[in-house]
Amino acid sequence: MSDPTTEGGLTGRLSFSRIVSQRAHSMDASGIRRVFDLAAKMKDPINLSIGQPDFPVPQVMKDAAKAAIDADRNGYTVTQGIPELLDATWNHLRTDVGWDGPGEHRAMAITSGTSGGLLLAAMAVLDPGDEIIIPDPYFVMYAQLGKMTGGKVVRCDTYPDFRMTAERIERCITPRTKAVIVCTPSNPCGTVLTGAELREIVDLCLRKDILLISDEIYDEFCFSDAREDGRCPSPARYTDQCLLVRGFGKTYGCTGWRLGYVAGPREVVGEIFKFQQYSYVCAPSMAQWGVLPAFGVDLSPVIRDYENRRQMVVDAFAGITSVPRPGGAFYAFVEVPKRLDMTGQQFIEKALEHRVLVIPGNVFSARDTHFRISFATRPDRLAEGLAVLRGLMTA
């Protein structure tokens, strides 16, 4: 039977194998999303897969967003963001990294999430064939930046301690290298680089004329034993020649608001303005007004709670397998014990049989020897899931 058509319609089918771009064909759907889809079909899963905070948006931010909607602040904003949020964010950076605001060589843009900022940055920097160095393991988006821009992604192997050091980066540099992405605290490992390590990376990038992109989406989720002078280490304290990428979603539990920012060299941020104008246009207007009070929110009770959960994860696998102690974020990258003779994918399939969802390491890495746990879940559920995973390793 032929496909139905509307009355008077024309028959025929397009050749989508010709129409769909090679760029699209080259990209896989996120492995994390595949696990999310599984979770939706399972009854009462123990979900240790999702990288989303489990606390509500602070009330003061909810009220600000609702007030903006009620005040009809629902239209376009200027491309770079509302002046009030730009001013508030610059004030925060003055205190946190010592940048004294915009100027001839420094600028900021409010973006549609940190992912939006990263994509726009890659578009602003990479031409076809240009290289960008990323850590391995990496946030899943990093590996796709080359395919989306025509550039080439070069993976910097950070096993077994997951520290992206200047020495490891330098081995990856070629004449085509344009940029390096550092993520600290990291997804999927929770690694926090020290100030000394970051200073060496800054020095390397300045010497080699390479843009350092510092993805600091988890900058507030930095635990007490990884902080220096009470703050999360950042390369922005040593130079304003890096591109700082931060966000509000993970920090304040408003991931769906899709709000982040980039700050750094005007020569790069100015190009990001152009790409944002012709793509996202602007970040969501009501969300920009909603996060205005964010920098006054005290997150210390939340961070202490997550630090305790971190300890639960470390204790659960002590003496059984290797888990470098996370210094921040809410992830741990756990090695599947070699004696089990299993890949990360095979291990998570076993875990699924017990209703525990974690992400296989091959989603984040060229290797498939680990799996990622998110401890952004209730402590009782976390304990239940950890008991299952530990049991699978010791059975």
Protein backbone atom coordinates (compact mmCIF):
# COMPACT_ATOMS: atom_id res chain seq x y z
CA MET A 1 0.00 0.00 0.00
CA SER A 2 1.35 3.42 -0.89
CA ASP A 3 1.87 6.11 1.74
CA PRO A 4 -1.18 8.31 2.25
CA THR A 5 -1.02 11.87 0.95
CA THR A 6 -3.18 14.89 1.49
CA GLU A 7 -5.94 15.46 -1.03
CA GLY A 8 -4.39 16.71 -4.22
CA GLY A 9 -0.87 16.07 -2.88
CA LEU A 10 2.09 14.85 -4.88
CA THR A 11 3.71 11.47 -4.40
CA GLY A 12 7.41 10.78 -4.21
CA ARG A 13 10.17 10.54 -1.60
CA LEU A 14 13.29 12.59 -1.15
CA SER A 15 16.72 10.95 -1.22
CA PHE A 16 17.79 11.74 2.34
CA SER A 17 21.05 9.82 2.02
CA ARG A 18 22.04 12.56 -0.42
CA ILE A 19 20.43 15.44 1.46
CA VAL A 20 21.69 14.82 5.01
CA SER A 21 25.20 16.22 5.49
CA GLN A 22 28.30 14.15 6.03
CA ARG A 23 28.77 16.23 9.18
CA ALA A 24 25.51 14.86 10.57
CA HIS A 25 26.31 11.31 9.47
CA SER A 26 29.67 11.50 11.25
CA MET A 27 28.11 12.21 14.64
CA ASP A 28 26.61 9.68 17.04
CA ALA A 29 23.83 10.38 19.50
CA SER A 30 25.17 10.92 22.99
CA GLY A 31 25.74 7.70 24.92
CA ILE A 32 24.49 9.52 27.99
CA ARG A 33 21.16 10.16 26.28
CA ARG A 34 20.86 6.47 25.45
CA VAL A 35 21.12 5.67 29.15
CA PHE A 36 18.56 8.38 29.94
CA ASP A 37 16.18 6.72 27.46
CA LEU A 38 16.69 3.40 29.24
CA ALA A 39 15.92 5.02 32.58
CA ALA A 40 12.62 6.31 31.23
CA LYS A 41 11.56 2.74 30.43
CA MET A 42 12.64 1.17 33.74
CA LYS A 43 10.55 0.91 36.88
CA ASP A 44 12.16 2.70 39.82
CA PRO A 45 15.79 2.64 38.59
CA ILE A 46 18.68 3.69 40.79
CA ASN A 47 19.90 6.44 38.53
CA LEU A 48 23.57 7.27 39.04
CA SER A 49 23.95 8.46 35.48
CA ILE A 50 22.50 11.94 35.21
CA GLY A 51 24.78 14.94 35.63
CA GLN A 52 22.17 17.20 37.10
CA PRO A 53 22.02 18.65 40.62
CA ASP A 54 19.26 17.22 42.79
CA PHE A 55 18.53 20.40 44.75
CA PRO A 56 15.92 23.03 43.85
CA VAL A 57 16.69 26.38 42.30
CA PRO A 58 17.15 28.95 45.10
CA GLN A 59 13.86 30.73 45.79
CA VAL A 60 15.35 34.17 45.23
CA MET A 61 16.22 33.13 41.65
CA LYS A 62 12.78 31.62 41.02
CA ASP A 63 11.20 34.85 42.22
CA ALA A 64 13.44 36.94 39.97
CA ALA A 65 12.60 34.83 36.90
CA LYS A 66 8.87 34.97 37.63
CA ALA A 67 9.05 38.72 38.19
CA ALA A 68 10.77 39.14 34.83
CA ILE A 69 8.05 37.17 33.06
CA ASP A 70 5.31 39.15 34.82
CA ALA A 71 7.08 42.39 33.89
CA ASP A 72 6.98 41.31 30.22
CA ARG A 73 10.74 40.94 29.96
CA ASN A 74 10.21 38.08 27.52
CA GLY A 75 11.59 39.48 24.28
CA TYR A 76 15.03 39.50 22.73
CA THR A 77 17.89 40.99 24.69
CA VAL A 78 21.04 42.45 23.22
CA THR A 79 23.23 39.68 21.83
CA GLN A 80 25.92 39.85 24.51
CA GLY A 81 23.42 39.80 27.42
CA ILE A 82 21.54 42.28 29.57
CA PRO A 83 23.82 44.98 31.03
CA GLU A 84 22.68 44.18 34.59
CA LEU A 85 23.87 40.56 34.35
CA LEU A 86 27.10 41.52 32.61
CA ASP A 87 27.85 43.99 35.43
CA ALA A 88 27.02 41.42 38.14
CA THR A 89 29.21 38.79 36.48
CA TRP A 90 32.13 41.17 36.04
CA ASN A 91 31.83 42.10 39.74
CA HIS A 92 32.03 38.40 40.60
CA LEU A 93 35.11 37.88 38.41
CA ARG A 94 36.85 40.88 40.01
CA THR A 95 36.65 39.11 43.35
CA ASP A 96 37.22 35.59 42.10
CA VAL A 97 39.99 35.88 39.50
CA GLY A 98 41.07 39.53 39.69
CA TRP A 99 39.81 40.67 36.29
CA ASP A 100 38.78 44.31 36.61
CA GLY A 101 36.03 44.27 34.01
CA PRO A 102 35.72 44.86 30.28
CA GLY A 103 38.20 46.95 28.37
CA GLU A 104 40.02 47.34 25.09
CA HIS A 105 41.22 43.73 25.15
CA ARG A 106 38.63 41.96 27.34
CA ALA A 107 34.93 41.22 26.84
CA MET A 108 32.09 38.93 27.98
CA ALA A 109 29.03 37.33 26.43
CA ILE A 110 26.11 35.63 28.15
CA THR A 111 25.48 32.39 26.24
CA SER A 112 22.82 29.71 25.90
CA GLY A 113 24.49 27.40 28.39
CA THR A 114 28.17 26.60 28.60
CA SER A 115 27.68 24.17 25.71
CA GLY A 116 26.52 27.11 23.60
CA GLY A 117 29.59 29.05 24.67
CA LEU A 118 31.93 26.17 23.81
CA LEU A 119 30.41 25.65 20.38
CA LEU A 120 30.55 29.35 19.54
CA ALA A 121 34.16 29.51 20.76
CA ALA A 122 35.12 26.58 18.52
CA MET A 123 33.39 28.25 15.56
CA ALA A 124 35.27 31.47 16.28
CA VAL A 125 38.67 29.78 16.47
CA LEU A 126 38.78 26.70 14.24
CA ASP A 127 39.12 26.57 10.46
CA PRO A 128 39.00 23.24 8.61
CA GLY A 129 42.07 21.21 9.53
CA ASP A 130 42.89 23.27 12.63
CA GLU A 131 43.41 21.27 15.82
CA ILE A 132 42.00 21.58 19.30
CA ILE A 133 43.40 19.50 22.16
CA ILE A 134 40.98 17.99 24.66
CA PRO A 135 41.53 15.76 27.69
CA ASP A 136 40.80 12.04 27.50
CA PRO A 137 38.50 11.28 29.35
CA TYR A 138 36.43 14.25 28.16
CA PHE A 139 33.00 15.84 28.36
CA VAL A 140 31.06 14.24 25.51
CA MET A 141 30.58 17.48 23.59
CA TYR A 142 34.32 18.11 23.22
CA ALA A 143 34.81 15.18 20.86
CA GLN A 144 32.12 16.55 18.53
CA LEU A 145 33.51 20.08 18.22
CA GLY A 146 35.77 19.08 15.34
CA LYS A 147 32.94 17.47 13.40
CA MET A 148 30.73 20.51 13.90
CA THR A 149 33.38 23.01 12.78
CA GLY A 150 35.64 21.14 10.36
CA GLY A 151 38.48 21.18 12.86
CA LYS A 152 40.32 18.18 14.25
CA VAL A 153 40.05 17.07 17.87
CA VAL A 154 43.26 15.72 19.39
CA ARG A 155 42.82 13.66 22.56
CA CYS A 156 45.35 14.15 25.36
CA ASP A 157 45.68 10.89 27.30
CA THR A 158 45.43 11.63 31.03
CA TYR A 159 45.24 8.06 32.38
CA PRO A 160 45.62 6.80 35.07
CA ASP A 161 45.29 9.89 37.32
CA PHE A 162 43.20 12.04 34.90
CA ARG A 163 45.39 15.11 35.31
CA MET A 164 45.82 17.15 32.13
CA THR A 165 49.29 18.50 32.73
CA ALA A 166 51.39 20.82 30.59
CA GLU A 167 53.80 17.96 29.88
CA ARG A 168 51.00 15.78 28.50
CA ILE A 169 49.52 18.65 26.49
CA GLU A 170 52.86 19.59 24.91
CA ARG A 171 53.20 16.10 23.41
CA CYS A 172 49.96 16.74 21.50
CA ILE A 173 50.85 20.13 20.03
CA THR A 174 51.46 20.46 16.27
CA PRO A 175 51.75 23.47 13.96
CA ARG A 176 47.98 23.22 13.41
CA THR A 177 47.07 23.50 17.11
CA LYS A 178 44.83 26.50 17.75
CA ALA A 179 43.36 25.80 21.19
CA VAL A 180 43.41 23.59 24.27
CA ILE A 181 40.39 22.83 26.43
CA VAL A 182 40.97 22.26 30.13
CA CYS A 183 38.04 21.23 32.32
CA THR A 184 38.51 21.61 36.07
CA PRO A 185 36.66 20.39 38.08
CA SER A 186 36.21 17.82 35.37
CA ASN A 187 33.43 15.80 33.89
CA PRO A 188 33.61 12.75 34.02
CA CYS A 189 36.37 12.41 36.61
CA GLY A 190 35.90 15.17 39.18
CA THR A 191 39.59 16.04 38.86
CA VAL A 192 40.66 19.49 40.08
CA LEU A 193 44.01 20.72 38.81
CA THR A 194 46.20 22.67 41.20
CA GLY A 195 47.12 26.29 40.73
CA ALA A 196 50.70 25.24 39.98
CA GLU A 197 49.54 22.82 37.27
CA LEU A 198 47.32 25.46 35.71
CA ARG A 199 50.09 28.05 35.78
CA GLU A 200 52.32 25.66 33.80
CA ILE A 201 49.54 25.17 31.24
CA VAL A 202 49.08 28.93 30.93
CA ASP A 203 52.82 29.37 30.38
CA LEU A 204 52.84 26.64 27.71
CA CYS A 205 49.90 28.12 25.81
CA LEU A 206 51.35 31.63 25.88
CA ARG A 207 54.72 30.36 24.61
CA LYS A 208 53.11 28.31 21.84
CA ASP A 209 50.59 31.01 20.84
CA ILE A 210 47.62 28.72 21.61
CA LEU A 211 44.27 29.78 23.10
CA LEU A 212 43.53 28.14 26.44
CA ILE A 213 39.79 27.52 26.89
CA SER A 214 39.02 26.88 30.55
CA ASP A 215 35.70 25.08 31.04
CA GLU A 216 34.78 25.86 34.64
CA ILE A 217 31.10 24.93 34.69
CA TYR A 218 31.66 23.22 38.07
CA ASP A 219 33.75 26.03 39.59
CA GLU A 220 31.54 26.30 42.70
CA PHE A 221 31.47 22.50 43.13
CA CYS A 222 35.02 22.42 44.38
CA PHE A 223 35.58 20.52 47.61
CA SER A 224 37.49 21.83 50.60
CA ASP A 225 40.59 19.68 50.02
CA ALA A 226 40.95 20.97 46.43
CA ARG A 227 40.43 24.68 47.11
CA GLU A 228 43.34 27.10 47.32
CA ASP A 229 42.87 30.28 49.33
CA GLY A 230 39.24 29.28 49.67
CA ARG A 231 38.67 29.24 45.90
CA CYS A 232 38.70 26.71 43.10
CA PRO A 233 41.97 27.01 41.14
CA SER A 234 41.60 28.77 37.78
CA PRO A 235 44.07 29.71 35.03
CA ALA A 236 42.30 33.08 34.84
CA ARG A 237 44.20 34.10 37.97
CA TYR A 238 47.43 34.00 35.96
CA THR A 239 46.35 35.56 32.66
CA ASP A 240 43.47 37.28 30.89
CA GLN A 241 44.61 35.70 27.63
CA CYS A 242 42.50 32.60 28.26
CA LEU A 243 38.83 32.13 27.44
CA LEU A 244 36.88 31.50 30.63
CA VAL A 245 33.67 29.45 30.21
CA ARG A 246 31.31 29.22 33.17
CA GLY A 247 27.64 28.64 33.76
CA PHE A 248 24.70 28.93 36.12
CA GLY A 249 22.86 25.67 35.45
CA LYS A 250 24.98 23.15 37.37
CA THR A 251 25.85 25.62 40.11
CA TYR A 252 22.34 26.70 40.98
CA GLY A 253 20.28 23.71 39.84
CA CYS A 254 18.73 25.53 36.85
CA THR A 255 20.16 23.41 34.03
CA GLY A 256 17.01 23.86 31.94
CA TRP A 257 17.40 27.63 31.93
CA ARG A 258 20.37 27.18 29.55
CA LEU A 259 22.55 30.00 30.77
CA GLY A 260 26.32 30.41 30.80
CA TYR A 261 28.95 32.98 29.92
CA VAL A 262 32.31 33.37 28.23
CA ALA A 263 34.86 36.00 29.17
CA GLY A 264 38.33 36.73 27.93
CA PRO A 265 40.14 38.22 24.95
CA ARG A 266 37.91 40.66 23.07
CA GLU A 267 39.43 39.43 19.83
CA VAL A 268 37.74 36.04 20.42
CA VAL A 269 34.64 37.10 22.36
CA GLY A 270 33.86 39.70 19.68
CA GLU A 271 33.69 36.91 17.12
CA ILE A 272 31.48 34.90 19.47
CA PHE A 273 29.09 37.89 19.49
CA LYS A 274 28.72 37.51 15.71
CA PHE A 275 28.09 33.77 15.78
CA GLN A 276 25.59 34.14 18.62
CA GLN A 277 23.73 36.86 16.69
CA TYR A 278 23.18 34.50 13.76
CA SER A 279 22.47 31.35 15.79
CA TYR A 280 21.09 31.60 19.33
CA VAL A 281 20.40 35.38 18.92
CA CYS A 282 20.61 35.80 22.70
CA ALA A 283 20.43 33.73 25.85
CA PRO A 284 16.90 33.20 27.30
CA SER A 285 15.73 36.60 28.54
CA MET A 286 13.80 35.61 31.67
CA ALA A 287 16.66 33.33 32.73
CA GLN A 288 19.12 36.22 32.50
CA TRP A 289 16.98 38.25 34.90
CA GLY A 290 16.46 35.14 37.04
CA VAL A 291 20.15 34.58 37.75
CA LEU A 292 20.86 38.19 38.71
CA PRO A 293 20.70 37.32 42.45
CA ALA A 294 22.75 34.13 41.98
CA PHE A 295 26.13 35.43 43.10
CA GLY A 296 24.64 36.28 46.51
CA VAL A 297 23.42 32.72 47.14
CA ASP A 298 25.32 30.76 49.80
CA LEU A 299 26.06 27.32 48.33
CA SER A 300 28.29 26.09 51.14
CA PRO A 301 25.68 23.73 52.70
CA VAL A 302 25.09 22.11 49.31
CA ILE A 303 28.82 21.70 48.65
CA ARG A 304 29.36 20.11 52.09
CA ASP A 305 26.54 17.66 51.35
CA TYR A 306 28.08 16.71 48.00
CA GLU A 307 31.49 16.37 49.63
CA ASN A 308 29.99 13.80 51.99
CA ARG A 309 28.51 11.93 49.02
CA ARG A 310 31.93 11.98 47.36
CA GLN A 311 33.30 10.24 50.43
CA MET A 312 30.58 7.59 50.19
CA VAL A 313 31.77 6.76 46.67
CA VAL A 314 35.44 6.66 47.60
CA ASP A 315 34.74 4.43 50.62
CA ALA A 316 32.52 2.07 48.62
CA PHE A 317 35.33 1.09 46.24
CA ALA A 318 38.27 1.27 48.66
CA GLY A 319 40.43 -1.82 48.33
CA ILE A 320 38.40 -3.11 45.38
CA THR A 321 39.30 -0.92 42.42
CA SER A 322 40.93 2.36 41.42
CA VAL A 323 38.98 5.58 41.86
CA PRO A 324 41.08 8.76 41.84
CA ARG A 325 39.56 10.91 44.57
CA PRO A 326 37.32 13.55 42.97
CA GLY A 327 38.20 17.09 44.02
CA GLY A 328 35.01 18.61 42.68
CA ALA A 329 31.92 18.33 40.45
CA PHE A 330 29.71 15.34 41.31
CA TYR A 331 31.29 12.51 39.35
CA ALA A 332 33.70 9.66 39.89
CA PHE A 333 35.38 7.68 37.11
CA VAL A 334 35.63 4.13 38.36
CA GLU A 335 37.86 1.44 36.87
CA VAL A 336 36.30 -1.95 36.19
CA PRO A 337 38.59 -4.37 38.06
CA LYS A 338 40.85 -6.14 35.58
CA ARG A 339 40.17 -9.49 37.23
CA LEU A 340 36.56 -9.27 35.98
CA ASP A 341 37.79 -9.30 32.37
CA MET A 342 34.99 -6.91 31.35
CA THR A 343 34.79 -3.69 29.40
CA GLY A 344 33.03 -0.71 30.89
CA GLN A 345 30.11 -1.36 28.55
CA GLN A 346 29.81 -4.97 29.67
CA PHE A 347 29.92 -3.96 33.33
CA ILE A 348 27.17 -1.35 33.02
CA GLU A 349 24.99 -3.93 31.27
CA LYS A 350 25.37 -6.13 34.35
CA ALA A 351 24.48 -3.16 36.52
CA LEU A 352 21.36 -2.55 34.41
CA GLU A 353 20.16 -6.04 35.30
CA HIS A 354 20.04 -4.77 38.90
CA ARG A 355 18.30 -1.49 37.93
CA VAL A 356 21.45 0.61 38.48
CA LEU A 357 22.25 3.12 35.75
CA VAL A 358 25.80 4.34 35.24
CA ILE A 359 27.58 5.51 32.06
CA PRO A 360 30.22 3.34 30.32
CA GLY A 361 33.65 4.88 29.98
CA ASN A 362 33.70 4.62 26.19
CA VAL A 363 31.18 7.47 26.07
CA PHE A 364 33.91 9.76 27.44
CA SER A 365 37.09 8.15 26.19
CA ALA A 366 38.93 6.20 23.54
CA ARG A 367 39.21 3.49 26.20
CA ASP A 368 36.43 1.33 27.64
CA THR A 369 37.91 0.39 30.99
CA HIS A 370 35.88 2.57 33.38
CA PHE A 371 32.39 3.83 34.10
CA ARG A 372 31.10 7.16 35.39
CA ILE A 373 29.04 7.56 38.54
CA SER A 374 27.09 10.72 39.25
CA PHE A 375 26.52 11.19 42.98
CA ALA A 376 23.98 13.96 42.37
CA THR A 377 21.26 11.81 43.88
CA ARG A 378 19.74 11.21 47.31
CA PRO A 379 22.25 9.67 49.74
CA ASP A 380 19.99 6.68 50.46
CA ARG A 381 19.66 5.88 46.75
CA LEU A 382 23.37 6.48 46.25
CA ALA A 383 24.18 4.01 49.04
CA GLU A 384 21.83 1.44 47.52
CA GLY A 385 23.41 1.78 44.08
CA LEU A 386 26.96 1.69 45.41
CA ALA A 387 26.19 -1.53 47.28
CA VAL A 388 25.03 -3.12 44.02
CA LEU A 389 28.11 -1.99 42.10
CA ARG A 390 30.45 -3.12 44.84
CA GLY A 391 28.67 -6.46 44.93
CA LEU A 392 29.14 -6.94 41.19
CA MET A 393 32.86 -6.37 41.64
CA THR A 394 33.27 -8.79 44.53
CA ALA A 395 30.90 -11.58 43.54
